[in-house]
Structures are given as C-alpha cells and as structure tokens.
PDB file of N, CA and C in Angstrom:
ATOM      1  N   MET A   1     -20.953-107.300 -48.625  1.00  0.00           N
ATOM      2  CA  MET A   1     -20.199-106.199 -49.225  1.00  0.00           C
ATOM      3  C   MET A   1     -19.917-106.568 -50.683  1.00  0.00           C
ATOM      4  N   GLY A   2     -20.122-105.617 -51.577  1.00  0.00           N
ATOM      5  CA  GLY A   2     -19.889-105.856 -52.985  1.00  0.00           C
ATOM      6  C   GLY A   2     -18.408-106.025 -53.293  1.00  0.00           C
ATOM      7  N   LEU A   3     -18.135-106.644 -54.416  1.00  0.00           N
ATOM      8  CA  LEU A   3     -16.747-106.908 -54.809  1.00  0.00           C
ATOM      9  C   LEU A   3     -15.935-105.630 -55.004  1.00  0.00           C
ATOM     10  N   LEU A   4     -16.532-104.638 -55.623  1.00  0.00           N
ATOM     11  CA  LEU A   4     -15.818-103.384 -55.846  1.00  0.00           C
ATOM     12  C   LEU A   4     -15.514-102.705 -54.515  1.00  0.00           C
ATOM     13  N   ARG A   5     -16.486-102.668 -53.638  1.00  0.00           N
ATOM     14  CA  ARG A   5     -16.289-102.055 -52.318  1.00  0.00           C
ATOM     15  C   ARG A   5     -15.184-102.767 -51.543  1.00  0.00           C
ATOM     16  N   LYS A   6     -15.183-104.088 -51.614  1.00  0.00           N
ATOM     17  CA  LYS A   6     -14.167-104.887 -50.933  1.00  0.00           C
ATOM     18  C   LYS A   6     -12.778-104.593 -51.502  1.00  0.00           C
ATOM     19  N   ALA A   7     -12.676-104.494 -52.822  1.00  0.00           N
ATOM     20  CA  ALA A   7     -11.393-104.202 -53.465  1.00  0.00           C
ATOM     21  C   ALA A   7     -10.884-102.823 -53.061  1.00  0.00           C
ATOM     22  N   VAL A   8     -11.762-101.847 -52.997  1.00  0.00           N
ATOM     23  CA  VAL A   8     -11.378-100.493 -52.597  1.00  0.00           C
ATOM     24  C   VAL A   8     -10.889-100.498 -51.150  1.00  0.00           C
ATOM     25  N   GLU A   9     -11.598-101.184 -50.272  1.00  0.00           N
ATOM     26  CA  GLU A   9     -11.198-101.255 -48.862  1.00  0.00           C
ATOM     27  C   GLU A   9      -9.844-101.953 -48.699  1.00  0.00           C
ATOM     28  N   GLU A  10      -9.590-102.979 -49.497  1.00  0.00           N
ATOM     29  CA  GLU A  10      -8.301-103.672 -49.442  1.00  0.00           C
ATOM     30  C   GLU A  10      -7.167-102.751 -49.887  1.00  0.00           C
ATOM     31  N   ARG A  11      -7.400-101.983 -50.942  1.00  0.00           N
ATOM     32  CA  ARG A  11      -6.366-101.044 -51.414  1.00  0.00           C
ATOM     33  C   ARG A  11      -6.138 -99.932 -50.395  1.00  0.00           C
ATOM     34  N   LYS A  12      -7.216 -99.479 -49.754  1.00  0.00           N
ATOM     35  CA  LYS A  12      -7.065 -98.462 -48.710  1.00  0.00           C
ATOM     36  C   LYS A  12      -6.187 -98.996 -47.580  1.00  0.00           C
ATOM     37  N   ARG A  13      -6.452-100.226 -47.140  1.00  0.00           N
ATOM     38  CA  ARG A  13      -5.635-100.835 -46.083  1.00  0.00           C
ATOM     39  C   ARG A  13      -4.181-100.952 -46.516  1.00  0.00           C
ATOM     40  N   HIS A  14      -3.962-101.288 -47.782  1.00  0.00           N
ATOM     41  CA  HIS A  14      -2.615-101.398 -48.332  1.00  0.00           C
ATOM     42  C   HIS A  14      -1.868-100.064 -48.200  1.00  0.00           C
ATOM     43  N   TYR A  15      -2.489 -98.984 -48.629  1.00  0.00           N
ATOM     44  CA  TYR A  15      -1.838 -97.671 -48.566  1.00  0.00           C
ATOM     45  C   TYR A  15      -1.704 -97.170 -47.135  1.00  0.00           C
ATOM     46  N   ILE A  16      -2.674 -97.460 -46.296  1.00  0.00           N
ATOM     47  CA  ILE A  16      -2.575 -97.072 -44.888  1.00  0.00           C
ATOM     48  C   ILE A  16      -1.368 -97.756 -44.258  1.00  0.00           C
ATOM     49  N   GLN A  17      -1.197 -99.042 -44.516  1.00  0.00           N
ATOM     50  CA  GLN A  17      -0.051 -99.759 -43.959  1.00  0.00           C
ATOM     51  C   GLN A  17       1.271 -99.189 -44.474  1.00  0.00           C
ATOM     52  N   LYS A  18       1.326 -98.832 -45.755  1.00  0.00           N
ATOM     53  CA  LYS A  18       2.546 -98.249 -46.318  1.00  0.00           C
ATOM     54  C   LYS A  18       2.857 -96.891 -45.697  1.00  0.00           C
ATOM     55  N   LEU A  19       1.839 -96.066 -45.490  1.00  0.00           N
ATOM     56  CA  LEU A  19       2.047 -94.750 -44.888  1.00  0.00           C
ATOM     57  C   LEU A  19       2.492 -94.878 -43.434  1.00  0.00           C
ATOM     58  N   LEU A  20       1.903 -95.820 -42.714  1.00  0.00           N
ATOM     59  CA  LEU A  20       2.317 -96.042 -41.327  1.00  0.00           C
ATOM     60  C   LEU A  20       3.745 -96.577 -41.268  1.00  0.00           C
ATOM     61  N   ALA A  21       4.079 -97.501 -42.164  1.00  0.00           N
ATOM     62  CA  ALA A  21       5.426 -98.079 -42.189  1.00  0.00           C
ATOM     63  C   ALA A  21       6.474 -97.033 -42.542  1.00  0.00           C
ATOM     64  N   ALA A  22       6.093 -96.061 -43.364  1.00  0.00           N
ATOM     65  CA  ALA A  22       7.019 -94.994 -43.757  1.00  0.00           C
ATOM     66  C   ALA A  22       7.176 -93.956 -42.648  1.00  0.00           C
ATOM     67  N   GLY A  23       6.376 -94.069 -41.593  1.00  0.00           N
ATOM     68  CA  GLY A  23       6.473 -93.145 -40.473  1.00  0.00           C
ATOM     69  C   GLY A  23       5.811 -91.805 -40.713  1.00  0.00           C
ATOM     70  N   LEU A  24       4.957 -91.734 -41.718  1.00  0.00           N
ATOM     71  CA  LEU A  24       4.302 -90.466 -42.045  1.00  0.00           C
ATOM     72  C   LEU A  24       3.137 -90.163 -41.105  1.00  0.00           C
ATOM     73  N   TYR A  25       2.575 -91.198 -40.507  1.00  0.00           N
ATOM     74  CA  TYR A  25       1.475 -91.046 -39.564  1.00  0.00           C
ATOM     75  C   TYR A  25       1.747 -91.929 -38.368  1.00  0.00           C
ATOM     76  N   GLN A  26       1.318 -91.504 -37.198  1.00  0.00           N
ATOM     77  CA  GLN A  26       1.510 -92.285 -35.981  1.00  0.00           C
ATOM     78  C   GLN A  26       0.317 -93.198 -35.691  1.00  0.00           C
ATOM     79  N   THR A  27      -0.844 -92.841 -36.214  1.00  0.00           N
ATOM     80  CA  THR A  27      -2.055 -93.626 -35.988  1.00  0.00           C
ATOM     81  C   THR A  27      -2.830 -93.733 -37.293  1.00  0.00           C
ATOM     82  N   ASP A  28      -3.626 -94.778 -37.409  1.00  0.00           N
ATOM     83  CA  ASP A  28      -4.384 -94.978 -38.641  1.00  0.00           C
ATOM     84  C   ASP A  28      -5.801 -94.418 -38.570  1.00  0.00           C
ATOM     85  N   VAL A  29      -6.187 -93.821 -37.434  1.00  0.00           N
ATOM     86  CA  VAL A  29      -7.556 -93.337 -37.262  1.00  0.00           C
ATOM     87  C   VAL A  29      -7.929 -92.327 -38.343  1.00  0.00           C
ATOM     88  N   HIS A  30      -7.117 -91.311 -38.537  1.00  0.00           N
ATOM     89  CA  HIS A  30      -7.391 -90.292 -39.546  1.00  0.00           C
ATOM     90  C   HIS A  30      -7.338 -90.883 -40.957  1.00  0.00           C
ATOM     91  N   LEU A  31      -6.452 -91.813 -41.182  1.00  0.00           N
ATOM     92  CA  LEU A  31      -6.279 -92.386 -42.506  1.00  0.00           C
ATOM     93  C   LEU A  31      -7.515 -93.133 -42.991  1.00  0.00           C
ATOM     94  N   TYR A  32      -8.209 -93.820 -42.087  1.00  0.00           N
ATOM     95  CA  TYR A  32      -9.397 -94.570 -42.493  1.00  0.00           C
ATOM     96  C   TYR A  32     -10.547 -93.663 -42.910  1.00  0.00           C
ATOM     97  N   GLU A  33     -10.454 -92.382 -42.584  1.00  0.00           N
ATOM     98  CA  GLU A  33     -11.483 -91.432 -43.010  1.00  0.00           C
ATOM     99  C   GLU A  33     -11.229 -90.900 -44.417  1.00  0.00           C
ATOM    100  N   MET A  34     -10.040 -91.128 -44.938  1.00  0.00           N
ATOM    101  CA  MET A  34      -9.676 -90.629 -46.270  1.00  0.00           C
ATOM    102  C   MET A  34     -10.180 -91.563 -47.360  1.00  0.00           C
ATOM    103  N   THR A  35     -10.301 -91.000 -48.555  1.00  0.00           N
ATOM    104  CA  THR A  35     -10.671 -91.812 -49.710  1.00  0.00           C
ATOM    105  C   THR A  35      -9.428 -92.522 -50.238  1.00  0.00           C
ATOM    106  N   LEU A  36      -9.641 -93.519 -51.076  1.00  0.00           N
ATOM    107  CA  LEU A  36      -8.532 -94.233 -51.702  1.00  0.00           C
ATOM    108  C   LEU A  36      -7.674 -93.268 -52.514  1.00  0.00           C
ATOM    109  N   THR A  37      -8.295 -92.381 -53.242  1.00  0.00           N
ATOM    110  CA  THR A  37      -7.559 -91.412 -54.060  1.00  0.00           C
ATOM    111  C   THR A  37      -6.683 -90.519 -53.198  1.00  0.00           C
ATOM    112  N   GLU A  38      -7.197 -90.057 -52.074  1.00  0.00           N
ATOM    113  CA  GLU A  38      -6.403 -89.216 -51.173  1.00  0.00           C
ATOM    114  C   GLU A  38      -5.203 -89.976 -50.634  1.00  0.00           C
ATOM    115  N   LEU A  39      -5.420 -91.223 -50.225  1.00  0.00           N
ATOM    116  CA  LEU A  39      -4.325 -92.037 -49.706  1.00  0.00           C
ATOM    117  C   LEU A  39      -3.252 -92.265 -50.766  1.00  0.00           C
ATOM    118  N   GLU A  40      -3.675 -92.569 -51.982  1.00  0.00           N
ATOM    119  CA  GLU A  40      -2.721 -92.784 -53.077  1.00  0.00           C
ATOM    120  C   GLU A  40      -1.911 -91.517 -53.348  1.00  0.00           C
ATOM    121  N   GLN A  41      -2.580 -90.375 -53.388  1.00  0.00           N
ATOM    122  CA  GLN A  41      -1.880 -89.119 -53.661  1.00  0.00           C
ATOM    123  C   GLN A  41      -0.851 -88.805 -52.587  1.00  0.00           C
ATOM    124  N   ILE A  42      -1.221 -88.977 -51.333  1.00  0.00           N
ATOM    125  CA  ILE A  42      -0.282 -88.729 -50.241  1.00  0.00           C
ATOM    126  C   ILE A  42       0.910 -89.677 -50.356  1.00  0.00           C
ATOM    127  N   TYR A  43       0.635 -90.929 -50.610  1.00  0.00           N
ATOM    128  CA  TYR A  43       1.712 -91.907 -50.710  1.00  0.00           C
ATOM    129  C   TYR A  43       2.654 -91.585 -51.863  1.00  0.00           C
ATOM    130  N   TYR A  44       2.114 -91.279 -53.027  1.00  0.00           N
ATOM    131  CA  TYR A  44       2.957 -90.993 -54.184  1.00  0.00           C
ATOM    132  C   TYR A  44       3.796 -89.739 -53.981  1.00  0.00           C
ATOM    133  N   VAL A  45       3.229 -88.706 -53.372  1.00  0.00           N
ATOM    134  CA  VAL A  45       3.958 -87.470 -53.132  1.00  0.00           C
ATOM    135  C   VAL A  45       5.058 -87.675 -52.093  1.00  0.00           C
ATOM    136  N   CYS A  46       4.712 -88.357 -51.025  1.00  0.00           N
ATOM    137  CA  CYS A  46       5.656 -88.530 -49.906  1.00  0.00           C
ATOM    138  C   CYS A  46       6.692 -89.612 -50.144  1.00  0.00           C
ATOM    139  N   CYS A  47       6.296 -90.670 -50.806  1.00  0.00           N
ATOM    140  CA  CYS A  47       7.182 -91.825 -50.941  1.00  0.00           C
ATOM    141  C   CYS A  47       7.741 -91.994 -52.348  1.00  0.00           C
ATOM    142  N   GLY A  48       7.181 -91.283 -53.315  1.00  0.00           N
ATOM    143  CA  GLY A  48       7.705 -91.300 -54.669  1.00  0.00           C
ATOM    144  C   GLY A  48       7.498 -92.594 -55.430  1.00  0.00           C
ATOM    145  N   ASP A  49       6.630 -93.462 -54.953  1.00  0.00           N
ATOM    146  CA  ASP A  49       6.363 -94.730 -55.627  1.00  0.00           C
ATOM    147  C   ASP A  49       5.123 -94.575 -56.483  1.00  0.00           C
ATOM    148  N   ASN A  50       5.286 -94.642 -57.791  1.00  0.00           N
ATOM    149  CA  ASN A  50       4.118 -94.517 -58.674  1.00  0.00           C
ATOM    150  C   ASN A  50       3.890 -95.777 -59.487  1.00  0.00           C
ATOM    151  N   THR A  51       4.204 -96.923 -58.895  1.00  0.00           N
ATOM    152  CA  THR A  51       4.001 -98.196 -59.579  1.00  0.00           C
ATOM    153  C   THR A  51       2.600 -98.736 -59.393  1.00  0.00           C
ATOM    154  N   GLY A  52       1.802 -98.102 -58.528  1.00  0.00           N
ATOM    155  CA  GLY A  52       0.432 -98.517 -58.341  1.00  0.00           C
ATOM    156  C   GLY A  52       0.250 -99.642 -57.338  1.00  0.00           C
ATOM    157  N   GLY A  53       1.213 -99.861 -56.485  1.00  0.00           N
ATOM    158  CA  GLY A  53       0.986-100.825 -55.434  1.00  0.00           C
ATOM    159  C   GLY A  53       2.085-101.759 -55.256  1.00  0.00           C
TER     160      GLY A  53
END
C-alpha cells in the first residue's frame, strides 16, 4: 500500500472512531464506505471541531 493511501486510511479510522465515540453512529460498517472528506465534514458539522484532528 502506498504511503498516501495508508495516511488516508489512518485518517479515516481516526474520524470513524471519533464519530462512534460521539454516539453519532452505532456501527462502523457504513462509515468505512465513506470518503475521508465526507467523514471530516460530518464530524465538523456534528461535533464542531475544526482543528483538523
């Protein structure tokens, strides 16, 4: 796996964990189908954190 792909997957896991911890989703199945940008947008809108991680 390329470095960029690995970095994107790590950030996706980061946002998925934050969304699950915030109680916004009950399962991560749907979340893994989303893009990093979609996950970030949902997190920023729902949780109000715009520090980038």
